[in-house]
């Protein structure tokens, strides 16, 4: 049991090392990742995208036709926009896109979500993106919502760790209320 614990600990310590290497290789973010869940997130993304016209925009579980038009109205070319609808919760926001980021050689992202959701998003991103050598810079959208519970964050961190070791997210258990809030 001690050997297994040591092996698990060694694997987990690799994540901070991989994050540090990614930030060294790409000190500035190379793309945006916006977690769907509210038009205010896409509005902030569009504002930032105007400042950084060379960065691609990835949106997970979001963008209604109205929000897509809003991005176009902001002068953002839809050729920069990648909409991913595979995610069903916050954990799969990351797991469904991590291979796309790696394929596109993205080592550093702006991570955009609401302030109440950011602690959980950062915890999951650290595990999932960090395990794959992808760093992130958080950008919070102000809201009036209360922060998510520590239990909620812990549960999704465990799911992230399970994904790192097995490739399984537990999203199939959605009907048993794994995650209802992006």
N, C-alpha and C. Protein backbone atom coordinates (compact mmCIF):
# COMPACT_ATOMS: atom_id res chain seq x y z
N UNK A 1 0.82 -1.19 0.00
CA UNK A 1 0.00 0.00 0.00
C UNK A 1 0.87 1.26 0.00
N UNK A 2 1.97 1.21 0.71
CA UNK A 2 2.87 2.36 0.77
C UNK A 2 3.46 2.67 -0.61
N UNK A 3 3.79 1.63 -1.36
CA UNK A 3 4.33 1.82 -2.70
C UNK A 3 3.30 2.48 -3.61
N UNK A 4 2.04 2.07 -3.50
CA UNK A 4 0.97 2.66 -4.31
C UNK A 4 0.78 4.12 -3.94
N UNK A 5 0.78 4.43 -2.65
CA UNK A 5 0.63 5.81 -2.19
C UNK A 5 1.78 6.67 -2.70
N UNK A 6 2.99 6.13 -2.64
CA UNK A 6 4.15 6.87 -3.16
C UNK A 6 4.05 7.11 -4.65
N UNK A 7 3.59 6.10 -5.39
CA UNK A 7 3.41 6.22 -6.84
C UNK A 7 2.36 7.29 -7.15
N UNK A 8 1.23 7.27 -6.43
CA UNK A 8 0.16 8.25 -6.63
C UNK A 8 0.66 9.66 -6.32
N UNK A 9 1.38 9.80 -5.23
CA UNK A 9 1.92 11.10 -4.84
C UNK A 9 2.90 11.62 -5.89
N UNK A 10 3.76 10.74 -6.39
CA UNK A 10 4.73 11.15 -7.43
C UNK A 10 4.01 11.62 -8.68
N UNK A 11 2.96 10.91 -9.07
CA UNK A 11 2.21 11.33 -10.25
C UNK A 11 1.55 12.69 -10.05
N UNK A 12 1.01 12.91 -8.86
CA UNK A 12 0.35 14.19 -8.59
C UNK A 12 1.35 15.34 -8.52
N UNK A 13 2.56 15.07 -8.07
CA UNK A 13 3.58 16.12 -8.01
C UNK A 13 4.07 16.52 -9.40
N UNK A 14 3.81 15.69 -10.38
CA UNK A 14 4.18 16.01 -11.75
C UNK A 14 3.36 17.18 -12.28
N UNK A 15 2.12 17.33 -11.81
CA UNK A 15 1.23 18.39 -12.32
C UNK A 15 1.85 19.77 -12.13
N UNK A 16 2.31 20.15 -10.93
CA UNK A 16 2.92 21.50 -10.82
C UNK A 16 4.15 21.67 -11.70
N UNK A 17 4.90 20.61 -11.88
CA UNK A 17 6.08 20.68 -12.75
C UNK A 17 5.64 20.92 -14.20
N UNK A 18 4.63 20.17 -14.65
CA UNK A 18 4.14 20.34 -16.02
C UNK A 18 3.55 21.74 -16.22
N UNK A 19 2.86 22.28 -15.22
CA UNK A 19 2.33 23.64 -15.33
C UNK A 19 3.46 24.66 -15.43
N UNK A 20 4.50 24.49 -14.64
CA UNK A 20 5.65 25.41 -14.70
C UNK A 20 6.33 25.35 -16.05
N UNK A 21 6.50 24.16 -16.58
CA UNK A 21 7.12 24.02 -17.91
C UNK A 21 6.26 24.68 -18.97
N UNK A 22 4.94 24.47 -18.91
CA UNK A 22 4.02 25.07 -19.89
C UNK A 22 4.10 26.59 -19.85
N UNK A 23 4.15 27.17 -18.64
CA UNK A 23 4.23 28.63 -18.53
C UNK A 23 5.57 29.16 -19.02
N UNK A 24 6.61 28.35 -18.91
CA UNK A 24 7.91 28.75 -19.44
C UNK A 24 7.88 28.70 -20.96
N UNK A 25 7.26 27.67 -21.53
CA UNK A 25 7.18 27.52 -22.98
C UNK A 25 6.24 28.55 -23.60
N UNK A 26 5.19 28.90 -22.89
CA UNK A 26 4.21 29.87 -23.39
C UNK A 26 3.84 30.81 -22.25
N UNK A 27 4.66 31.83 -22.00
CA UNK A 27 4.40 32.72 -20.86
C UNK A 27 3.10 33.51 -20.98
N UNK A 28 2.65 33.72 -22.21
CA UNK A 28 1.39 34.44 -22.44
C UNK A 28 0.35 33.46 -22.99
N UNK A 29 -0.91 33.64 -22.61
CA UNK A 29 -1.95 32.75 -23.13
C UNK A 29 -2.00 32.78 -24.67
N UNK A 30 -2.31 31.62 -25.23
CA UNK A 30 -2.36 31.45 -26.68
C UNK A 30 -3.79 31.34 -27.21
N UNK A 31 -4.77 31.24 -26.32
CA UNK A 31 -6.17 31.09 -26.72
C UNK A 31 -7.06 31.39 -25.52
N UNK A 32 -8.35 31.54 -25.79
CA UNK A 32 -9.35 31.72 -24.75
C UNK A 32 -10.12 30.42 -24.58
N UNK A 33 -10.43 30.06 -23.34
CA UNK A 33 -11.39 28.99 -23.06
C UNK A 33 -12.47 29.60 -22.18
N UNK A 34 -13.67 29.68 -22.72
CA UNK A 34 -14.80 30.21 -21.98
C UNK A 34 -15.73 29.06 -21.64
N UNK A 35 -16.03 28.94 -20.36
CA UNK A 35 -16.97 27.91 -19.94
C UNK A 35 -18.37 28.48 -20.07
N UNK A 36 -19.20 27.82 -20.85
CA UNK A 36 -20.57 28.28 -21.06
C UNK A 36 -21.34 28.31 -19.76
N UNK A 37 -22.39 29.06 -19.74
CA UNK A 37 -23.17 29.13 -18.52
C UNK A 37 -23.82 30.49 -18.32
N UNK A 38 -23.54 31.41 -19.19
CA UNK A 38 -24.15 32.72 -19.06
C UNK A 38 -23.61 33.67 -20.11
N UNK A 39 -24.46 34.51 -20.65
CA UNK A 39 -24.02 35.43 -21.71
C UNK A 39 -22.96 36.41 -21.25
N UNK A 40 -22.90 36.71 -19.94
CA UNK A 40 -21.89 37.65 -19.45
C UNK A 40 -20.48 37.10 -19.67
N UNK A 41 -20.33 35.79 -19.68
CA UNK A 41 -19.02 35.17 -19.93
C UNK A 41 -18.61 35.41 -21.39
N UNK A 42 -19.56 35.24 -22.29
CA UNK A 42 -19.27 35.43 -23.71
C UNK A 42 -19.04 36.91 -24.03
N UNK A 43 -19.74 37.79 -23.32
CA UNK A 43 -19.54 39.23 -23.51
C UNK A 43 -18.11 39.61 -23.13
N UNK A 44 -17.65 39.14 -21.98
CA UNK A 44 -16.27 39.43 -21.57
C UNK A 44 -15.28 38.82 -22.55
N UNK A 45 -15.56 37.61 -22.99
CA UNK A 45 -14.68 36.96 -23.97
C UNK A 45 -14.58 37.80 -25.23
N UNK A 46 -15.70 38.30 -25.72
CA UNK A 46 -15.68 39.12 -26.94
C UNK A 46 -14.87 40.40 -26.72
N UNK A 47 -15.02 41.02 -25.54
CA UNK A 47 -14.24 42.23 -25.25
C UNK A 47 -12.74 41.93 -25.24
N UNK A 48 -12.37 40.86 -24.58
CA UNK A 48 -10.95 40.48 -24.53
C UNK A 48 -10.43 40.08 -25.91
N UNK A 49 -11.26 39.39 -26.66
CA UNK A 49 -10.84 38.94 -28.00
C UNK A 49 -10.55 40.12 -28.92
N UNK A 50 -11.20 41.24 -28.71
CA UNK A 50 -10.88 42.43 -29.51
C UNK A 50 -9.49 42.95 -29.17
N UNK A 51 -9.07 42.80 -27.93
CA UNK A 51 -7.73 43.24 -27.51
C UNK A 51 -6.65 42.29 -28.01
N UNK A 52 -7.01 41.03 -28.18
CA UNK A 52 -6.05 40.00 -28.59
C UNK A 52 -6.54 39.32 -29.87
N UNK A 53 -6.43 40.00 -31.00
CA UNK A 53 -7.02 39.50 -32.24
C UNK A 53 -6.37 38.24 -32.81
N UNK A 54 -5.23 37.85 -32.32
CA UNK A 54 -4.59 36.64 -32.86
C UNK A 54 -4.99 35.37 -32.10
N UNK A 55 -5.71 35.53 -30.99
CA UNK A 55 -6.04 34.36 -30.17
C UNK A 55 -7.35 33.72 -30.61
N UNK A 56 -7.33 32.39 -30.69
CA UNK A 56 -8.53 31.61 -30.98
C UNK A 56 -9.43 31.61 -29.75
N UNK A 57 -10.72 31.40 -29.96
CA UNK A 57 -11.70 31.38 -28.88
C UNK A 57 -12.36 30.00 -28.85
N UNK A 58 -12.27 29.34 -27.71
CA UNK A 58 -12.90 28.05 -27.50
C UNK A 58 -13.99 28.24 -26.47
N UNK A 59 -15.20 27.82 -26.79
CA UNK A 59 -16.32 27.92 -25.86
C UNK A 59 -16.84 26.52 -25.61
N UNK A 60 -16.90 26.15 -24.36
CA UNK A 60 -17.38 24.82 -23.99
C UNK A 60 -18.79 24.92 -23.44
N UNK A 61 -19.69 24.17 -24.04
CA UNK A 61 -21.09 24.07 -23.59
C UNK A 61 -21.79 25.42 -23.62
N UNK A 62 -21.63 26.14 -24.67
CA UNK A 62 -22.29 27.43 -24.68
C UNK A 62 -22.50 27.99 -26.06
N UNK A 63 -22.88 29.20 -26.09
CA UNK A 63 -23.15 30.03 -27.26
C UNK A 63 -24.42 29.63 -27.98
N UNK A 64 -25.45 30.31 -27.61
CA UNK A 64 -26.71 30.21 -28.35
C UNK A 64 -26.53 31.00 -29.65
N UNK A 65 -27.44 30.84 -30.60
CA UNK A 65 -27.34 31.67 -31.82
C UNK A 65 -27.29 33.17 -31.50
N UNK A 66 -28.04 33.59 -30.47
CA UNK A 66 -28.03 35.01 -30.08
C UNK A 66 -26.64 35.43 -29.60
N UNK A 67 -25.99 34.58 -28.80
CA UNK A 67 -24.65 34.90 -28.30
C UNK A 67 -23.62 34.87 -29.42
N UNK A 68 -23.80 33.98 -30.39
CA UNK A 68 -22.90 33.94 -31.55
C UNK A 68 -23.02 35.24 -32.34
N UNK A 69 -24.24 35.72 -32.52
CA UNK A 69 -24.44 37.00 -33.22
C UNK A 69 -23.80 38.14 -32.44
N UNK A 70 -23.88 38.06 -31.10
CA UNK A 70 -23.27 39.09 -30.27
C UNK A 70 -21.76 39.14 -30.49
N UNK A 71 -21.14 37.98 -30.63
CA UNK A 71 -19.70 37.94 -30.88
C UNK A 71 -19.40 38.54 -32.25
N UNK A 72 -20.21 38.21 -33.24
CA UNK A 72 -20.01 38.79 -34.58
C UNK A 72 -20.19 40.30 -34.53
N UNK A 73 -21.22 40.76 -33.82
CA UNK A 73 -21.49 42.19 -33.71
C UNK A 73 -20.32 42.91 -33.05
N UNK A 74 -19.62 42.21 -32.16
CA UNK A 74 -18.45 42.80 -31.50
C UNK A 74 -17.25 42.86 -32.44
N UNK A 75 -17.42 42.38 -33.68
CA UNK A 75 -16.34 42.45 -34.66
C UNK A 75 -15.39 41.26 -34.61
N UNK A 76 -15.80 40.19 -33.97
CA UNK A 76 -14.96 39.00 -33.87
C UNK A 76 -15.31 38.05 -35.00
N UNK A 77 -14.33 37.66 -35.77
CA UNK A 77 -14.55 36.74 -36.87
C UNK A 77 -14.91 35.35 -36.33
N UNK A 78 -15.93 34.75 -36.91
CA UNK A 78 -16.33 33.42 -36.48
C UNK A 78 -15.29 32.36 -36.84
N UNK A 79 -14.32 32.71 -37.68
CA UNK A 79 -13.25 31.75 -37.99
C UNK A 79 -12.36 31.52 -36.77
N UNK A 80 -12.39 32.44 -35.82
CA UNK A 80 -11.61 32.29 -34.57
C UNK A 80 -12.34 31.47 -33.53
N UNK A 81 -13.60 31.19 -33.77
CA UNK A 81 -14.47 30.61 -32.76
C UNK A 81 -14.59 29.10 -32.92
N UNK A 82 -14.39 28.39 -31.81
CA UNK A 82 -14.55 26.93 -31.75
C UNK A 82 -15.57 26.65 -30.66
N UNK A 83 -16.72 26.13 -31.03
CA UNK A 83 -17.76 25.83 -30.06
C UNK A 83 -17.79 24.32 -29.85
N UNK A 84 -17.68 23.92 -28.61
CA UNK A 84 -17.69 22.51 -28.26
C UNK A 84 -18.92 22.23 -27.41
N UNK A 85 -19.76 21.32 -27.88
CA UNK A 85 -21.00 21.01 -27.16
C UNK A 85 -20.95 19.61 -26.54
N UNK A 86 -19.77 19.02 -26.46
CA UNK A 86 -19.66 17.67 -25.89
C UNK A 86 -19.77 17.65 -24.37
N UNK A 87 -19.40 18.73 -23.73
CA UNK A 87 -19.38 18.76 -22.27
C UNK A 87 -20.79 18.77 -21.70
N UNK A 88 -20.94 18.08 -20.58
CA UNK A 88 -22.22 18.06 -19.89
C UNK A 88 -22.11 18.65 -18.48
N UNK A 89 -20.89 18.97 -18.06
CA UNK A 89 -20.65 19.54 -16.74
C UNK A 89 -19.26 20.18 -16.73
N UNK A 90 -18.87 20.68 -15.59
CA UNK A 90 -17.60 21.41 -15.52
C UNK A 90 -16.40 20.52 -15.77
N UNK A 91 -16.41 19.31 -15.25
CA UNK A 91 -15.28 18.41 -15.49
C UNK A 91 -15.13 18.15 -16.98
N UNK A 92 -16.23 17.85 -17.65
CA UNK A 92 -16.13 17.55 -19.09
C UNK A 92 -15.91 18.80 -19.94
N UNK A 93 -16.11 20.01 -19.37
CA UNK A 93 -15.68 21.22 -20.08
C UNK A 93 -14.20 21.10 -20.44
N UNK A 94 -13.44 20.53 -19.53
CA UNK A 94 -12.00 20.40 -19.72
C UNK A 94 -11.61 19.11 -20.45
N UNK A 95 -12.18 18.00 -20.02
CA UNK A 95 -11.77 16.72 -20.61
C UNK A 95 -12.15 16.60 -22.08
N UNK A 96 -13.24 17.24 -22.48
CA UNK A 96 -13.65 17.14 -23.89
C UNK A 96 -12.78 17.97 -24.82
N UNK A 97 -12.08 18.96 -24.28
CA UNK A 97 -11.28 19.85 -25.13
C UNK A 97 -9.78 19.67 -25.00
N UNK A 98 -9.31 18.99 -23.98
CA UNK A 98 -7.87 18.92 -23.73
C UNK A 98 -7.11 18.33 -24.92
N UNK A 99 -7.66 17.33 -25.59
CA UNK A 99 -6.95 16.77 -26.75
C UNK A 99 -6.93 17.76 -27.91
N UNK A 100 -7.97 18.58 -28.05
CA UNK A 100 -7.98 19.62 -29.09
C UNK A 100 -6.88 20.65 -28.82
N UNK A 101 -6.73 21.03 -27.56
CA UNK A 101 -5.68 21.99 -27.21
C UNK A 101 -4.30 21.41 -27.51
N UNK A 102 -4.10 20.16 -27.13
CA UNK A 102 -2.81 19.53 -27.39
C UNK A 102 -2.56 19.42 -28.90
N UNK A 103 -3.57 19.05 -29.65
CA UNK A 103 -3.43 18.92 -31.10
C UNK A 103 -3.07 20.26 -31.74
N UNK A 104 -3.57 21.34 -31.17
CA UNK A 104 -3.29 22.69 -31.68
C UNK A 104 -2.08 23.33 -31.00
N UNK A 105 -1.34 22.55 -30.23
CA UNK A 105 -0.11 23.00 -29.56
C UNK A 105 -0.35 24.18 -28.63
N UNK A 106 -1.51 24.20 -28.00
CA UNK A 106 -1.84 25.26 -27.04
C UNK A 106 -1.31 24.84 -25.68
N UNK A 107 -0.45 25.66 -25.13
CA UNK A 107 0.19 25.38 -23.84
C UNK A 107 -0.29 26.31 -22.73
N UNK A 108 -1.05 27.36 -23.09
CA UNK A 108 -1.47 28.35 -22.10
C UNK A 108 -2.77 28.99 -22.58
N UNK A 109 -3.76 29.00 -21.70
CA UNK A 109 -5.09 29.52 -22.02
C UNK A 109 -5.51 30.62 -21.05
N UNK A 110 -6.35 31.54 -21.54
CA UNK A 110 -7.14 32.36 -20.64
C UNK A 110 -8.36 31.53 -20.30
N UNK A 111 -8.63 31.33 -19.02
CA UNK A 111 -9.80 30.59 -18.57
C UNK A 111 -10.84 31.59 -18.07
N UNK A 112 -11.98 31.65 -18.77
CA UNK A 112 -13.01 32.64 -18.45
C UNK A 112 -14.26 31.94 -17.93
N UNK A 113 -14.67 32.35 -16.74
CA UNK A 113 -15.93 31.88 -16.16
C UNK A 113 -16.35 32.87 -15.09
N UNK A 114 -17.50 32.65 -14.50
CA UNK A 114 -18.02 33.55 -13.46
C UNK A 114 -17.21 33.43 -12.18
N UNK A 115 -17.19 34.51 -11.41
CA UNK A 115 -16.39 34.53 -10.18
C UNK A 115 -16.80 33.46 -9.18
N UNK A 116 -18.10 33.17 -9.07
CA UNK A 116 -18.55 32.15 -8.12
C UNK A 116 -18.11 30.75 -8.55
N UNK A 117 -17.88 30.58 -9.82
CA UNK A 117 -17.52 29.28 -10.40
C UNK A 117 -16.01 29.10 -10.54
N UNK A 118 -15.25 30.18 -10.46
CA UNK A 118 -13.83 30.13 -10.74
C UNK A 118 -13.04 29.22 -9.79
N UNK A 119 -13.30 29.19 -8.48
CA UNK A 119 -12.50 28.28 -7.65
C UNK A 119 -12.61 26.81 -8.10
N UNK A 120 -13.80 26.38 -8.45
CA UNK A 120 -13.97 25.00 -8.91
C UNK A 120 -13.33 24.82 -10.27
N UNK A 121 -13.52 25.77 -11.18
CA UNK A 121 -12.93 25.68 -12.52
C UNK A 121 -11.40 25.63 -12.42
N UNK A 122 -10.82 26.46 -11.55
CA UNK A 122 -9.36 26.46 -11.39
C UNK A 122 -8.86 25.14 -10.82
N UNK A 123 -9.57 24.60 -9.85
CA UNK A 123 -9.15 23.33 -9.26
C UNK A 123 -9.18 22.21 -10.30
N UNK A 124 -10.24 22.16 -11.07
CA UNK A 124 -10.36 21.12 -12.11
C UNK A 124 -9.33 21.36 -13.21
N UNK A 125 -9.17 22.60 -13.63
CA UNK A 125 -8.19 22.92 -14.67
C UNK A 125 -6.78 22.56 -14.23
N UNK A 126 -6.46 22.80 -12.98
CA UNK A 126 -5.13 22.46 -12.48
C UNK A 126 -4.88 20.97 -12.66
N UNK A 127 -5.87 20.16 -12.34
CA UNK A 127 -5.71 18.71 -12.44
C UNK A 127 -5.72 18.25 -13.89
N UNK A 128 -6.74 18.63 -14.64
CA UNK A 128 -6.91 18.09 -16.00
C UNK A 128 -5.96 18.75 -16.99
N UNK A 129 -5.99 20.07 -17.06
CA UNK A 129 -5.08 20.75 -17.99
C UNK A 129 -3.64 20.59 -17.53
N UNK A 130 -3.41 20.75 -16.24
CA UNK A 130 -2.06 20.63 -15.71
C UNK A 130 -1.44 19.26 -15.96
N UNK A 131 -2.25 18.21 -15.86
CA UNK A 131 -1.72 16.87 -16.11
C UNK A 131 -1.29 16.69 -17.56
N UNK A 132 -1.79 17.55 -18.43
CA UNK A 132 -1.47 17.48 -19.85
C UNK A 132 -0.48 18.56 -20.28
N UNK A 133 0.04 19.30 -19.32
CA UNK A 133 1.04 20.32 -19.63
C UNK A 133 0.45 21.58 -20.24
N UNK A 134 -0.76 21.93 -19.80
CA UNK A 134 -1.41 23.14 -20.31
C UNK A 134 -1.69 24.06 -19.13
N UNK A 135 -1.11 25.25 -19.17
CA UNK A 135 -1.29 26.25 -18.11
C UNK A 135 -2.51 27.11 -18.43
N UNK A 136 -2.95 27.86 -17.44
CA UNK A 136 -4.10 28.75 -17.66
C UNK A 136 -3.96 29.99 -16.80
N UNK A 137 -4.56 31.06 -17.28
CA UNK A 137 -4.63 32.31 -16.55
C UNK A 137 -6.11 32.60 -16.33
N UNK A 138 -6.59 32.62 -15.08
CA UNK A 138 -8.01 32.83 -14.83
C UNK A 138 -8.45 34.27 -15.06
N UNK A 139 -9.64 34.42 -15.63
CA UNK A 139 -10.29 35.72 -15.81
C UNK A 139 -11.72 35.54 -15.33
N UNK A 140 -12.06 36.20 -14.23
CA UNK A 140 -13.38 36.03 -13.62
C UNK A 140 -14.36 37.09 -14.11
N UNK A 141 -15.58 36.65 -14.32
CA UNK A 141 -16.68 37.54 -14.67
C UNK A 141 -17.44 37.83 -13.37
N UNK A 142 -17.60 39.09 -13.00
CA UNK A 142 -18.33 39.39 -11.76
C UNK A 142 -19.77 38.89 -11.81
N UNK A 143 -20.25 38.45 -10.65
CA UNK A 143 -21.64 38.01 -10.54
C UNK A 143 -22.12 38.30 -9.13
N UNK A 144 -23.37 38.01 -8.89
CA UNK A 144 -23.93 38.19 -7.55
C UNK A 144 -24.18 36.85 -6.87
N UNK A 145 -23.71 35.78 -7.47
CA UNK A 145 -23.93 34.44 -6.93
C UNK A 145 -22.95 34.13 -5.81
N UNK A 146 -23.38 33.30 -4.90
CA UNK A 146 -22.52 32.84 -3.80
C UNK A 146 -21.50 31.84 -4.33
N UNK A 147 -20.33 31.79 -3.73
CA UNK A 147 -19.32 30.80 -4.16
C UNK A 147 -19.85 29.38 -4.00
N UNK A 148 -19.33 28.50 -4.83
CA UNK A 148 -19.73 27.11 -4.76
C UNK A 148 -19.14 26.45 -3.51
N UNK A 149 -19.76 25.41 -3.06
CA UNK A 149 -19.33 24.76 -1.82
C UNK A 149 -18.00 24.02 -2.01
N UNK A 150 -17.27 23.91 -0.92
CA UNK A 150 -16.00 23.17 -0.93
C UNK A 150 -16.24 21.70 -1.28
N UNK A 151 -17.37 21.16 -0.85
CA UNK A 151 -17.70 19.77 -1.16
C UNK A 151 -17.88 19.58 -2.67
N UNK A 152 -18.51 20.54 -3.30
CA UNK A 152 -18.71 20.54 -4.76
C UNK A 152 -17.35 20.54 -5.47
N UNK A 153 -16.45 21.38 -4.99
CA UNK A 153 -15.11 21.49 -5.57
C UNK A 153 -14.34 20.19 -5.35
N UNK A 154 -14.37 19.68 -4.13
CA UNK A 154 -13.67 18.44 -3.82
C UNK A 154 -14.17 17.28 -4.67
N UNK A 155 -15.49 17.17 -4.80
CA UNK A 155 -16.07 16.10 -5.61
C UNK A 155 -15.54 16.14 -7.03
N UNK A 156 -15.51 17.32 -7.64
CA UNK A 156 -15.05 17.42 -9.02
C UNK A 156 -13.54 17.26 -9.14
N UNK A 157 -12.79 17.60 -8.09
CA UNK A 157 -11.35 17.32 -8.10
C UNK A 157 -11.11 15.81 -8.12
N UNK A 158 -11.89 15.09 -7.34
CA UNK A 158 -11.78 13.63 -7.35
C UNK A 158 -12.12 13.09 -8.74
N UNK A 159 -13.16 13.62 -9.34
CA UNK A 159 -13.51 13.19 -10.70
C UNK A 159 -12.39 13.50 -11.68
N UNK A 160 -11.75 14.66 -11.52
CA UNK A 160 -10.63 15.02 -12.38
C UNK A 160 -9.47 14.05 -12.21
N UNK A 161 -9.18 13.70 -10.97
CA UNK A 161 -8.10 12.75 -10.72
C UNK A 161 -8.43 11.37 -11.29
N UNK A 162 -9.68 10.97 -11.17
CA UNK A 162 -10.08 9.68 -11.76
C UNK A 162 -9.87 9.73 -13.27
N UNK A 163 -10.20 10.88 -13.89
CA UNK A 163 -10.00 11.01 -15.34
C UNK A 163 -8.51 10.90 -15.69
N UNK A 164 -7.65 11.54 -14.90
CA UNK A 164 -6.22 11.50 -15.17
C UNK A 164 -5.73 10.05 -15.20
N UNK A 165 -6.21 9.25 -14.27
CA UNK A 165 -5.71 7.87 -14.15
C UNK A 165 -6.47 6.86 -15.00
N UNK A 166 -7.74 7.18 -15.37
CA UNK A 166 -8.54 6.17 -16.08
C UNK A 166 -9.14 6.64 -17.40
N UNK A 167 -9.23 7.96 -17.58
CA UNK A 167 -9.91 8.49 -18.75
C UNK A 167 -11.43 8.52 -18.58
N UNK A 168 -11.91 8.19 -17.40
CA UNK A 168 -13.34 8.15 -17.09
C UNK A 168 -13.70 9.36 -16.26
N UNK A 169 -14.77 10.10 -16.65
CA UNK A 169 -15.14 11.32 -15.94
C UNK A 169 -16.29 11.14 -14.95
N UNK A 170 -17.04 10.08 -15.10
CA UNK A 170 -18.22 9.91 -14.27
C UNK A 170 -19.42 10.66 -14.78
N UNK A 171 -19.30 11.32 -15.93
CA UNK A 171 -20.41 12.09 -16.48
C UNK A 171 -21.60 11.21 -16.82
N UNK A 172 -21.33 9.93 -17.04
CA UNK A 172 -22.42 9.01 -17.36
C UNK A 172 -23.39 8.88 -16.19
N UNK A 173 -22.95 9.29 -15.03
CA UNK A 173 -23.79 9.23 -13.84
C UNK A 173 -24.62 10.50 -13.68
N UNK A 174 -24.69 11.31 -14.73
CA UNK A 174 -25.39 12.60 -14.70
C UNK A 174 -26.79 12.49 -14.13
N UNK A 175 -27.47 11.41 -14.47
CA UNK A 175 -28.84 11.24 -13.99
C UNK A 175 -28.92 11.11 -12.47
N UNK A 176 -27.79 10.84 -11.83
CA UNK A 176 -27.78 10.75 -10.39
C UNK A 176 -27.25 12.03 -9.75
N UNK A 177 -27.34 13.12 -10.52
CA UNK A 177 -26.99 14.46 -10.07
C UNK A 177 -25.49 14.63 -9.79
N UNK A 178 -24.65 14.31 -10.76
CA UNK A 178 -23.21 14.55 -10.63
C UNK A 178 -22.94 16.05 -10.64
N UNK A 179 -23.54 16.74 -11.58
CA UNK A 179 -23.26 18.17 -11.71
C UNK A 179 -24.41 18.81 -12.45
N UNK A 180 -25.02 19.80 -11.87
CA UNK A 180 -26.13 20.45 -12.55
C UNK A 180 -25.83 21.89 -12.89
N UNK A 181 -24.72 22.37 -12.42
CA UNK A 181 -24.42 23.78 -12.66
C UNK A 181 -23.08 23.92 -13.34
N UNK A 182 -23.09 24.52 -14.51
CA UNK A 182 -21.83 24.82 -15.19
C UNK A 182 -21.34 26.10 -14.61
